[in-house]
Amino acid sequence: MIKMIAIDIDGTVFDHKTGIHQTTKNAILKAKELNIPVVIATGRNLTTINEIAKELEIENSYYPFVSQNGGQSFSFNHEETGELKIYYTVTFDPKVTKELFECANKNKIKIFAYSEEEKYAYCNKKISVFKVFMKFKTKRQKLITYKKNTDFTNLRVSKFICFSKAKNMKAFREFAESYNISVFEFSYVTEAHSNIELNPKGVDKTYGLKYVAEKLAIDPKDVIYFGDGENDIAAIQWAGTGVAMKNAKDHVKEVADDVTTLPVEEGGVGDYLFKKVFK
């Protein structure tokens, strides 16, 4: 029996050209009627999750959401205070952060790094199209340019987004993996295989969803999870029912229990819920 619905955003319920399909919106409303928690689990930060939650009409639920690929959990409407509540934020060790920036500079990698404070981000290039794009997408208002004397102790980094050509990224990715850092493909831009996101060691969406499931006293076997990307694989494998989108890559579909009949732009999540869950 499904007792919790967990959803990725980009490529799962939200398409960058068509937005959120009405069938998926209707399915989320149906879940609310049935008192089934709908939990967002995404690589996005909480600011950019808010607009999606509002469109799905779940911004006022008190259930914790998962952001930054599991690096943070929060609720827009805390059950006791009714206000924004951040339950946890996992950050990188400041020494590792500095080494990652130095390695990035050496290998011509552009970095956009979320700080634990929602308004701030670190960059290693003063001017770049990537920097402008990420500032717009993440709505981080204040950017700090990295220098050798930058101190990450007081304002720690919680997530890296890294952009470069594939030939430059190989050595940088190997360096990150040598620290057992969580590495995922980044799907906002083309050539996603050479653009990556980094999370602290052991942090992925499962890390966050375990926290949420325990808080809501729900067994993982009663969770259904929908996703489409490399950062969804762990969650798909963890959930009792892990569903890959029709538009997902083959290596994501291979680990899933099922695949939606329709892609994101045709309301794949909503179609699946109505046909296979809401009986």
Protein backbone atom coordinates (compact mmCIF):
# COMPACT_ATOMS: atom_id res chain seq x y z
CA MET A 1 0.00 0.00 0.00
CA ILE A 2 1.38 3.39 -0.99
CA LYS A 3 1.62 5.72 2.01
CA MET A 4 3.99 8.34 0.57
CA ILE A 5 4.58 9.72 -2.93
CA ALA A 6 8.05 11.17 -3.52
CA ILE A 7 8.75 13.14 -6.70
CA ASP A 8 11.73 14.65 -8.43
CA ILE A 9 11.03 17.97 -10.20
CA ASP A 10 12.98 18.57 -13.42
CA GLY A 11 12.27 15.96 -16.06
CA THR A 12 9.76 14.23 -13.76
CA VAL A 13 6.87 16.56 -12.94
CA PHE A 14 8.25 19.69 -14.60
CA ASP A 15 9.28 20.12 -18.23
CA HIS A 16 11.32 23.21 -19.10
CA LYS A 17 9.28 23.85 -22.25
CA THR A 18 5.75 22.89 -21.23
CA GLY A 19 5.77 23.23 -17.43
CA ILE A 20 3.65 20.90 -15.27
CA HIS A 21 1.04 18.82 -17.08
CA GLN A 22 -2.54 19.12 -15.83
CA THR A 23 -2.84 15.35 -15.34
CA THR A 24 0.05 15.44 -12.91
CA LYS A 25 -1.47 18.41 -11.07
CA ASN A 26 -4.76 16.54 -10.78
CA ALA A 27 -3.00 13.46 -9.43
CA ILE A 28 -1.24 15.46 -6.71
CA LEU A 29 -4.59 16.97 -5.70
CA LYS A 30 -6.06 13.46 -5.58
CA ALA A 31 -3.23 12.34 -3.29
CA LYS A 32 -4.07 15.24 -0.97
CA GLU A 33 -7.72 14.12 -0.90
CA LEU A 34 -6.56 10.64 0.09
CA ASN A 35 -4.21 12.07 2.76
CA ILE A 36 -1.15 10.57 1.06
CA PRO A 37 1.91 12.77 1.72
CA VAL A 38 3.51 14.14 -1.46
CA VAL A 39 7.19 14.88 -0.85
CA ILE A 40 9.47 16.72 -3.27
CA ALA A 41 13.04 15.36 -3.55
CA THR A 42 15.18 17.39 -5.92
CA GLY A 43 18.59 18.85 -6.63
CA ARG A 44 17.10 22.35 -6.50
CA ASN A 45 17.44 24.74 -3.58
CA LEU A 46 14.43 25.62 -1.44
CA THR A 47 13.87 29.01 -3.11
CA THR A 48 13.32 27.47 -6.55
CA ILE A 49 11.27 24.59 -5.12
CA ASN A 50 8.72 27.05 -3.77
CA GLU A 51 7.29 28.00 -7.18
CA ILE A 52 6.80 24.32 -8.11
CA ALA A 53 5.22 23.50 -4.74
CA LYS A 54 2.78 26.38 -5.19
CA GLU A 55 1.78 25.21 -8.66
CA LEU A 56 1.18 21.70 -7.30
CA GLU A 57 -0.67 23.23 -4.32
CA ILE A 58 1.48 21.46 -1.74
CA GLU A 59 3.41 24.45 -0.41
CA ASN A 60 1.21 24.54 2.69
CA SER A 61 1.65 20.89 3.63
CA TYR A 62 3.72 20.34 6.77
CA TYR A 63 5.62 17.40 5.26
CA PRO A 64 9.39 17.87 4.97
CA PHE A 65 10.80 18.24 1.46
CA VAL A 66 14.28 17.20 0.29
CA SER A 67 16.49 19.68 -1.58
CA GLN A 68 20.08 19.81 -2.86
CA ASN A 69 20.08 16.07 -3.72
CA GLY A 70 19.47 15.15 -0.10
CA GLY A 71 21.82 17.74 1.36
CA GLN A 72 18.98 19.63 2.98
CA SER A 73 15.49 18.93 4.36
CA PHE A 74 12.95 21.61 5.17
CA SER A 75 9.27 22.43 5.43
CA PHE A 76 7.63 25.59 4.12
CA ASN A 77 4.83 25.20 6.66
CA HIS A 78 6.14 23.67 9.86
CA GLU A 79 3.45 21.77 11.75
CA GLU A 80 4.07 23.70 14.98
CA THR A 81 5.07 27.20 13.87
CA GLY A 82 3.49 27.38 10.40
CA GLU A 83 6.73 28.95 9.15
CA LEU A 84 9.75 27.83 7.15
CA LYS A 85 11.73 25.23 9.06
CA ILE A 86 15.11 23.86 7.95
CA TYR A 87 15.67 20.50 9.61
CA TYR A 88 19.26 19.99 8.50
CA THR A 89 21.87 21.12 5.95
CA VAL A 90 24.91 18.94 5.22
CA THR A 91 28.07 20.86 4.26
CA PHE A 92 31.55 20.13 2.95
CA ASP A 93 34.61 20.26 5.15
CA PRO A 94 36.18 23.73 4.50
CA LYS A 95 39.55 22.14 3.67
CA VAL A 96 37.97 19.86 1.04
CA THR A 97 36.03 22.82 -0.36
CA LYS A 98 39.24 24.79 -0.89
CA GLU A 99 40.95 21.80 -2.54
CA LEU A 100 38.01 21.35 -4.90
CA PHE A 101 38.19 25.01 -5.94
CA GLU A 102 41.94 24.75 -6.52
CA CYS A 103 41.53 21.58 -8.58
CA ALA A 104 38.73 23.24 -10.56
CA ASN A 105 40.92 26.24 -11.38
CA LYS A 106 43.75 23.95 -12.44
CA ASN A 107 41.48 22.01 -14.81
CA LYS A 108 39.52 24.97 -16.19
CA ILE A 109 36.28 24.01 -14.44
CA LYS A 110 33.67 26.70 -13.76
CA ILE A 111 32.19 26.37 -10.26
CA PHE A 112 28.92 27.59 -8.78
CA ALA A 113 28.70 26.46 -5.15
CA TYR A 114 25.68 26.85 -2.87
CA SER A 115 26.49 28.14 0.60
CA GLU A 116 24.48 27.04 3.63
CA GLU A 117 22.91 30.53 3.61
CA GLU A 118 20.22 30.66 0.92
CA LYS A 119 21.20 34.08 -0.47
CA TYR A 120 24.89 33.34 -1.06
CA ALA A 121 26.89 31.30 -3.55
CA TYR A 122 30.59 30.97 -4.37
CA CYS A 123 32.04 31.18 -7.91
CA ASN A 124 35.55 30.88 -9.29
CA LYS A 125 35.08 33.09 -12.35
CA LYS A 126 34.30 36.80 -12.17
CA ILE A 127 32.51 36.84 -15.52
CA SER A 128 30.96 33.88 -17.38
CA VAL A 129 27.71 32.92 -19.08
CA PHE A 130 27.49 29.93 -16.72
CA LYS A 131 27.71 32.20 -13.67
CA VAL A 132 24.89 34.45 -14.95
CA PHE A 133 22.77 31.42 -15.87
CA MET A 134 23.17 29.79 -12.44
CA LYS A 135 22.52 33.03 -10.56
CA PHE A 136 19.24 33.38 -12.46
CA LYS A 137 18.24 29.72 -12.05
CA THR A 138 19.04 29.41 -8.35
CA LYS A 139 18.02 32.95 -7.37
CA ARG A 140 21.15 33.27 -5.25
CA GLN A 141 21.43 37.05 -4.94
CA LYS A 142 24.96 37.50 -3.60
CA LEU A 143 27.93 35.85 -5.30
CA ILE A 144 31.37 35.54 -3.71
CA THR A 145 34.33 35.08 -6.07
CA TYR A 146 36.81 32.51 -4.79
CA LYS A 147 40.37 33.61 -3.95
CA LYS A 148 43.22 31.66 -2.38
CA ASN A 149 42.56 33.33 0.98
CA THR A 150 38.79 32.65 0.95
CA ASP A 151 37.70 31.20 4.28
CA PHE A 152 34.84 28.67 4.05
CA THR A 153 34.61 28.13 7.81
CA ASN A 154 31.86 30.61 8.61
CA LEU A 155 29.84 30.20 5.42
CA ARG A 156 30.22 26.58 4.36
CA VAL A 157 29.44 25.06 0.97
CA SER A 158 26.59 22.54 0.76
CA LYS A 159 26.62 21.71 -2.97
CA PHE A 160 28.82 22.23 -6.05
CA ILE A 161 27.70 22.64 -9.65
CA CYS A 162 30.58 22.18 -12.08
CA PHE A 163 30.70 23.07 -15.76
CA SER A 164 33.36 22.43 -18.41
CA LYS A 165 34.30 20.40 -21.47
CA ALA A 166 34.41 16.62 -21.04
CA LYS A 167 38.20 16.46 -21.47
CA ASN A 168 38.69 18.92 -18.59
CA MET A 169 36.06 17.35 -16.35
CA LYS A 170 37.58 13.86 -16.31
CA ALA A 171 40.51 14.70 -14.02
CA PHE A 172 38.36 16.89 -11.77
CA ARG A 173 35.70 14.20 -11.39
CA GLU A 174 38.37 11.62 -10.51
CA PHE A 175 39.75 14.00 -7.88
CA ALA A 176 36.28 14.45 -6.34
CA GLU A 177 35.64 10.71 -6.36
CA SER A 178 38.95 10.12 -4.58
CA TYR A 179 37.31 11.83 -1.56
CA ASN A 180 34.21 9.58 -1.97
CA ILE A 181 32.20 12.70 -2.72
CA SER A 182 28.74 12.07 -4.21
CA VAL A 183 28.87 12.92 -7.93
CA PHE A 184 25.83 13.27 -10.22
CA GLU A 185 25.16 14.36 -13.79
CA PHE A 186 23.75 17.88 -14.06
CA SER A 187 20.77 18.04 -16.44
CA TYR A 188 20.10 21.78 -16.76
CA VAL A 189 22.59 22.17 -19.59
CA THR A 190 23.64 20.17 -22.63
CA GLU A 191 26.31 17.46 -22.46
CA ALA A 192 25.11 16.52 -18.98
CA HIS A 193 27.72 13.75 -18.81
CA SER A 194 30.48 16.36 -18.58
CA ASN A 195 28.67 18.75 -16.21
CA ILE A 196 28.27 17.50 -12.68
CA GLU A 197 26.92 18.22 -9.21
CA LEU A 198 28.84 17.38 -6.04
CA ASN A 199 27.38 16.61 -2.63
CA PRO A 200 29.21 15.75 0.59
CA LYS A 201 30.25 12.13 1.14
CA GLY A 202 27.29 9.80 1.63
CA VAL A 203 24.70 12.41 0.69
CA ASP A 204 22.11 11.61 -1.97
CA LYS A 205 18.32 11.77 -2.19
CA THR A 206 18.03 8.56 -0.18
CA TYR A 207 19.80 10.33 2.69
CA GLY A 208 17.01 12.91 2.76
CA LEU A 209 14.12 10.55 2.08
CA LYS A 210 15.17 8.25 4.92
CA TYR A 211 14.97 11.26 7.23
CA VAL A 212 11.49 12.17 5.96
CA ALA A 213 10.17 8.59 6.11
CA GLU A 214 11.38 8.19 9.68
CA LYS A 215 9.87 11.53 10.68
CA LEU A 216 6.50 10.51 9.19
CA ALA A 217 6.78 6.93 10.51
CA ILE A 218 6.46 5.43 7.01
CA ASP A 219 8.18 2.21 5.94
CA PRO A 220 10.26 2.58 2.73
CA LYS A 221 8.32 -0.34 1.21
CA ASP A 222 5.23 1.89 1.28
CA VAL A 223 6.95 4.72 -0.64
CA ILE A 224 6.67 5.26 -4.39
CA TYR A 225 9.38 7.41 -5.97
CA PHE A 226 9.42 9.00 -9.45
CA GLY A 227 12.63 10.22 -11.09
CA ASP A 228 14.50 10.55 -14.36
CA GLY A 229 18.19 11.28 -13.69
CA GLU A 230 21.41 9.89 -12.28
CA ASN A 231 20.73 11.67 -8.98
CA ASP A 232 17.46 9.68 -8.71
CA ILE A 233 19.00 6.20 -8.94
CA ALA A 234 19.62 5.71 -5.22
CA ALA A 235 16.09 6.86 -4.35
CA ILE A 236 14.54 4.64 -7.03
CA GLN A 237 16.38 1.66 -5.56
CA TRP A 238 15.50 2.60 -1.97
CA ALA A 239 11.75 3.07 -2.40
CA GLY A 240 9.38 0.13 -2.25
CA THR A 241 8.28 1.13 -5.75
CA GLY A 242 10.87 2.99 -7.79
CA VAL A 243 9.51 4.40 -11.06
CA ALA A 244 11.61 5.86 -13.86
CA MET A 245 10.14 8.29 -16.35
CA LYS A 246 9.69 7.25 -19.97
CA ASN A 247 12.04 10.13 -20.85
CA ALA A 248 14.73 8.86 -18.43
CA LYS A 249 18.05 7.51 -19.68
CA ASP A 250 18.39 3.75 -20.05
CA HIS A 251 20.71 3.29 -17.05
CA VAL A 252 18.04 4.90 -14.84
CA LYS A 253 15.26 2.70 -16.25
CA GLU A 254 17.36 -0.41 -15.67
CA VAL A 255 17.30 0.01 -11.87
CA ALA A 256 13.60 0.90 -11.65
CA ASP A 257 10.72 -1.38 -10.70
CA ASP A 258 8.58 0.23 -13.38
CA VAL A 259 8.61 2.92 -16.09
CA THR A 260 5.86 5.44 -16.83
CA THR A 261 3.95 4.98 -20.07
CA LEU A 262 4.11 8.70 -20.82
CA PRO A 263 7.00 11.20 -20.59
CA VAL A 264 7.04 14.24 -18.32
CA GLU A 265 5.57 16.62 -20.89
CA GLU A 266 2.52 14.35 -21.30
CA GLY A 267 1.88 13.96 -17.57
CA GLY A 268 3.66 10.66 -17.00
CA VAL A 269 3.56 10.85 -13.20
CA GLY A 270 -0.13 11.73 -13.07
CA ASP A 271 -1.07 9.08 -15.62
CA TYR A 272 0.81 6.42 -13.63
CA LEU A 273 -0.75 7.42 -10.31
CA PHE A 274 -4.30 7.37 -11.66
CA LYS A 275 -3.88 4.03 -13.42
CA LYS A 276 -1.74 2.09 -10.91
CA VAL A 277 -2.03 3.71 -7.48
CA PHE A 278 -5.42 5.39 -7.09
CA LYS A 279 -7.61 2.31 -7.42
